[in-house]
Amino acid sequence: MEISIDLNSNIEVEYGSVDLNSNIEVEYGSGDLNLNIEVEYGSVDLNSNIEVEYGSIDINSNIEVEYDDSDGLSDEEYNEPLDLYEGKYL
């Protein structure tokens, strides 16, 4: 039996449907690849913030984490913005 998929149409799955030019609907939310991906515990806007159960991460901003001071860095040095493209402090 031959099965064909029109990639410009819809793919229907058990818990929703996928239109590659529109929305991805999933069991716990929906995603528009140009807008938001909503998940069970938060949402992801690919151009904005990642919201998670315990806080949020803006991938275009800073990453701050807890740490111990055994490396000798001060609070200010440790929490300087990290250049994610260069892998070093700005």
N, C-alpha and C. Protein backbone atom coordinates (compact mmCIF):
# COMPACT_ATOMS: atom_id res chain seq x y z
N MET A 1 0.84 -1.18 0.00
CA MET A 1 0.00 0.00 0.00
C MET A 1 0.88 1.23 0.00
N GLU A 2 0.60 2.16 -0.87
CA GLU A 2 1.39 3.38 -0.98
C GLU A 2 0.77 4.49 -0.12
N ILE A 3 1.63 5.16 0.66
CA ILE A 3 1.19 6.29 1.48
C ILE A 3 1.95 7.51 1.03
N SER A 4 1.24 8.61 0.83
CA SER A 4 1.92 9.84 0.44
C SER A 4 1.60 10.94 1.45
N ILE A 5 2.54 11.85 1.61
CA ILE A 5 2.39 12.99 2.50
C ILE A 5 2.67 14.25 1.70
N ASP A 6 1.73 15.18 1.75
CA ASP A 6 1.94 16.49 1.15
C ASP A 6 2.52 17.38 2.23
N LEU A 7 3.81 17.70 2.12
CA LEU A 7 4.47 18.49 3.16
C LEU A 7 3.95 19.91 3.25
N ASN A 8 3.17 20.34 2.28
CA ASN A 8 2.54 21.66 2.35
C ASN A 8 1.12 21.58 2.88
N SER A 9 0.75 20.42 3.33
CA SER A 9 -0.58 20.23 3.88
C SER A 9 -0.46 19.88 5.36
N ASN A 10 -1.23 18.96 5.85
CA ASN A 10 -1.22 18.63 7.27
C ASN A 10 -0.72 17.21 7.50
N ILE A 11 -0.06 17.04 8.63
CA ILE A 11 0.26 15.72 9.14
C ILE A 11 -0.56 15.58 10.41
N GLU A 12 -1.44 14.58 10.47
CA GLU A 12 -2.26 14.38 11.65
C GLU A 12 -1.65 13.27 12.49
N VAL A 13 -1.56 13.53 13.79
CA VAL A 13 -0.98 12.56 14.70
C VAL A 13 -1.97 12.27 15.81
N GLU A 14 -1.61 11.33 16.68
CA GLU A 14 -2.54 10.86 17.70
C GLU A 14 -3.10 11.98 18.56
N TYR A 15 -2.26 12.96 18.91
CA TYR A 15 -2.69 13.97 19.87
C TYR A 15 -2.88 15.35 19.25
N GLY A 16 -2.91 15.47 17.96
CA GLY A 16 -3.08 16.79 17.36
C GLY A 16 -2.75 16.73 15.88
N SER A 17 -2.31 17.84 15.33
CA SER A 17 -1.94 17.87 13.93
C SER A 17 -0.76 18.79 13.73
N VAL A 18 -0.07 18.59 12.63
CA VAL A 18 1.07 19.42 12.28
C VAL A 18 0.84 19.98 10.89
N ASP A 19 0.80 21.30 10.78
CA ASP A 19 0.80 21.97 9.48
C ASP A 19 2.16 22.66 9.40
N LEU A 20 3.02 22.19 8.50
CA LEU A 20 4.40 22.68 8.48
C LEU A 20 4.48 24.17 8.17
N ASN A 21 3.41 24.75 7.66
CA ASN A 21 3.40 26.18 7.40
C ASN A 21 2.59 26.95 8.43
N SER A 22 2.15 26.27 9.47
CA SER A 22 1.27 26.93 10.43
C SER A 22 1.61 26.48 11.85
N ASN A 23 0.75 25.68 12.44
CA ASN A 23 0.88 25.35 13.86
C ASN A 23 1.24 23.89 14.08
N ILE A 24 1.90 23.66 15.20
CA ILE A 24 2.09 22.31 15.71
C ILE A 24 1.24 22.21 16.96
N GLU A 25 0.28 21.30 16.97
CA GLU A 25 -0.55 21.09 18.15
C GLU A 25 -0.12 19.79 18.80
N VAL A 26 0.09 19.85 20.11
CA VAL A 26 0.53 18.67 20.83
C VAL A 26 -0.38 18.44 22.03
N GLU A 27 -0.14 17.32 22.74
CA GLU A 27 -1.03 16.92 23.82
C GLU A 27 -1.19 18.01 24.88
N TYR A 28 -0.11 18.72 25.19
CA TYR A 28 -0.15 19.67 26.30
C TYR A 28 -0.12 21.13 25.88
N GLY A 29 -0.31 21.44 24.62
CA GLY A 29 -0.27 22.83 24.18
C GLY A 29 -0.20 22.88 22.68
N SER A 30 0.29 23.99 22.16
CA SER A 30 0.43 24.12 20.72
C SER A 30 1.67 24.93 20.41
N GLY A 31 2.16 24.77 19.22
CA GLY A 31 3.32 25.55 18.82
C GLY A 31 3.15 26.11 17.43
N ASP A 32 3.38 27.38 17.28
CA ASP A 32 3.50 28.00 15.96
C ASP A 32 4.98 28.32 15.83
N LEU A 33 5.63 27.74 14.84
CA LEU A 33 7.08 27.86 14.75
C LEU A 33 7.55 29.31 14.68
N ASN A 34 6.66 30.22 14.33
CA ASN A 34 7.02 31.64 14.31
C ASN A 34 6.51 32.38 15.53
N LEU A 35 5.88 31.67 16.43
CA LEU A 35 5.35 32.30 17.64
C LEU A 35 5.81 31.53 18.87
N ASN A 36 4.90 30.83 19.51
CA ASN A 36 5.22 30.18 20.77
C ASN A 36 5.12 28.67 20.66
N ILE A 37 5.92 28.00 21.46
CA ILE A 37 5.76 26.58 21.70
C ILE A 37 5.30 26.48 23.15
N GLU A 38 4.10 25.95 23.38
CA GLU A 38 3.60 25.81 24.74
C GLU A 38 3.77 24.37 25.16
N VAL A 39 4.29 24.18 26.36
CA VAL A 39 4.52 22.83 26.86
C VAL A 39 3.85 22.69 28.22
N GLU A 40 3.92 21.48 28.78
CA GLU A 40 3.18 21.18 30.00
C GLU A 40 3.51 22.14 31.14
N TYR A 41 4.76 22.54 31.26
CA TYR A 41 5.17 23.33 32.41
C TYR A 41 5.54 24.76 32.08
N GLY A 42 5.25 25.26 30.90
CA GLY A 42 5.62 26.62 30.56
C GLY A 42 5.46 26.84 29.07
N SER A 43 6.17 27.80 28.55
CA SER A 43 6.09 28.06 27.12
C SER A 43 7.44 28.52 26.60
N VAL A 44 7.61 28.36 25.31
CA VAL A 44 8.84 28.79 24.65
C VAL A 44 8.47 29.70 23.50
N ASP A 45 8.97 30.92 23.50
CA ASP A 45 8.88 31.80 22.34
C ASP A 45 10.29 31.84 21.76
N LEU A 46 10.48 31.29 20.58
CA LEU A 46 11.83 31.13 20.04
C LEU A 46 12.54 32.45 19.84
N ASN A 47 11.79 33.55 19.80
CA ASN A 47 12.41 34.86 19.66
C ASN A 47 12.42 35.65 20.96
N SER A 48 12.04 35.00 22.05
CA SER A 48 11.91 35.74 23.30
C SER A 48 12.44 34.91 24.46
N ASN A 49 11.56 34.47 25.32
CA ASN A 49 11.98 33.81 26.56
C ASN A 49 11.62 32.34 26.56
N ILE A 50 12.38 31.60 27.33
CA ILE A 50 12.02 30.23 27.67
C ILE A 50 11.52 30.28 29.10
N GLU A 51 10.24 29.95 29.31
CA GLU A 51 9.70 29.93 30.65
C GLU A 51 9.63 28.48 31.10
N VAL A 52 10.14 28.23 32.30
CA VAL A 52 10.15 26.88 32.81
C VAL A 52 9.49 26.86 34.18
N GLU A 53 9.37 25.66 34.74
CA GLU A 53 8.63 25.50 35.99
C GLU A 53 9.16 26.40 37.11
N TYR A 54 10.46 26.60 37.16
CA TYR A 54 11.05 27.32 38.29
C TYR A 54 11.64 28.67 37.92
N GLY A 55 11.37 29.22 36.76
CA GLY A 55 11.94 30.51 36.39
C GLY A 55 11.88 30.69 34.89
N SER A 56 12.75 31.54 34.38
CA SER A 56 12.77 31.75 32.94
C SER A 56 14.18 32.01 32.46
N ILE A 57 14.42 31.72 31.20
CA ILE A 57 15.69 31.98 30.55
C ILE A 57 15.41 32.77 29.29
N ASP A 58 16.03 33.93 29.14
CA ASP A 58 15.98 34.67 27.89
C ASP A 58 17.28 34.35 27.16
N ILE A 59 17.20 33.59 26.07
CA ILE A 59 18.42 33.12 25.43
C ILE A 59 19.21 34.23 24.78
N ASN A 60 18.62 35.44 24.69
CA ASN A 60 19.36 36.58 24.16
C ASN A 60 19.88 37.49 25.25
N SER A 61 19.78 37.04 26.49
CA SER A 61 20.18 37.88 27.61
C SER A 61 21.26 37.15 28.41
N ASN A 62 21.12 37.14 29.71
CA ASN A 62 22.14 36.57 30.59
C ASN A 62 21.70 35.23 31.14
N ILE A 63 22.69 34.44 31.49
CA ILE A 63 22.45 33.22 32.24
C ILE A 63 23.12 33.41 33.59
N GLU A 64 22.32 33.35 34.65
CA GLU A 64 22.87 33.45 35.99
C GLU A 64 22.59 32.13 36.70
N VAL A 65 23.58 31.60 37.38
CA VAL A 65 23.42 30.33 38.07
C VAL A 65 23.97 30.45 39.47
N GLU A 66 23.57 29.49 40.33
CA GLU A 66 24.13 29.44 41.67
C GLU A 66 25.52 28.80 41.58
N TYR A 67 26.37 29.16 42.50
CA TYR A 67 27.72 28.63 42.46
C TYR A 67 28.36 28.73 43.83
N ASP A 68 29.47 28.05 44.01
CA ASP A 68 30.28 28.29 45.20
C ASP A 68 31.45 29.15 44.79
N ASP A 69 32.05 29.84 45.77
CA ASP A 69 33.10 30.80 45.43
C ASP A 69 34.50 30.20 45.50
N SER A 70 34.59 28.88 45.37
CA SER A 70 35.90 28.25 45.45
C SER A 70 36.78 28.58 44.25
N ASP A 71 36.20 29.11 43.18
CA ASP A 71 37.00 29.48 42.01
C ASP A 71 37.60 30.87 42.14
N GLY A 72 37.24 31.60 43.20
CA GLY A 72 37.84 32.90 43.44
C GLY A 72 37.17 34.05 42.72
N LEU A 73 36.14 33.79 41.93
CA LEU A 73 35.44 34.87 41.24
C LEU A 73 34.51 35.59 42.21
N SER A 74 34.46 36.90 42.12
CA SER A 74 33.51 37.66 42.92
C SER A 74 32.12 37.51 42.32
N ASP A 75 31.10 37.94 43.08
CA ASP A 75 29.74 37.91 42.56
C ASP A 75 29.63 38.67 41.25
N GLU A 76 30.25 39.85 41.18
CA GLU A 76 30.16 40.67 39.98
C GLU A 76 30.83 39.99 38.79
N GLU A 77 32.02 39.41 39.02
CA GLU A 77 32.72 38.74 37.92
C GLU A 77 31.94 37.52 37.46
N TYR A 78 31.41 36.78 38.41
CA TYR A 78 30.73 35.54 38.06
C TYR A 78 29.47 35.80 37.25
N ASN A 79 28.75 36.86 37.60
CA ASN A 79 27.47 37.13 36.95
C ASN A 79 27.56 38.09 35.77
N GLU A 80 28.78 38.35 35.28
CA GLU A 80 28.91 39.14 34.06
C GLU A 80 28.24 38.39 32.92
N PRO A 81 27.69 39.12 31.94
CA PRO A 81 27.07 38.44 30.80
C PRO A 81 28.06 37.51 30.10
N LEU A 82 27.61 36.34 29.79
CA LEU A 82 28.44 35.37 29.09
C LEU A 82 28.17 35.48 27.60
N ASP A 83 29.20 35.63 26.82
CA ASP A 83 29.06 35.67 25.36
C ASP A 83 28.89 34.24 24.88
N LEU A 84 27.66 33.85 24.57
CA LEU A 84 27.38 32.46 24.21
C LEU A 84 28.00 32.08 22.87
N TYR A 85 28.30 33.08 22.05
CA TYR A 85 28.88 32.77 20.75
C TYR A 85 30.38 32.56 20.84
N GLU A 86 31.01 33.26 21.77
CA GLU A 86 32.45 33.14 21.91
C GLU A 86 32.83 32.20 23.05
N GLY A 87 31.86 31.89 23.92
CA GLY A 87 32.13 31.00 25.03
C GLY A 87 33.02 31.63 26.08
N LYS A 88 32.94 32.94 26.25
CA LYS A 88 33.76 33.63 27.23
C LYS A 88 33.00 34.84 27.74
N TYR A 89 33.54 35.45 28.79
CA TYR A 89 32.90 36.65 29.32
C TYR A 89 33.01 37.79 28.32
N LEU A 90 31.97 38.62 28.29
CA LEU A 90 31.98 39.80 27.41
C LEU A 90 33.00 40.80 27.89
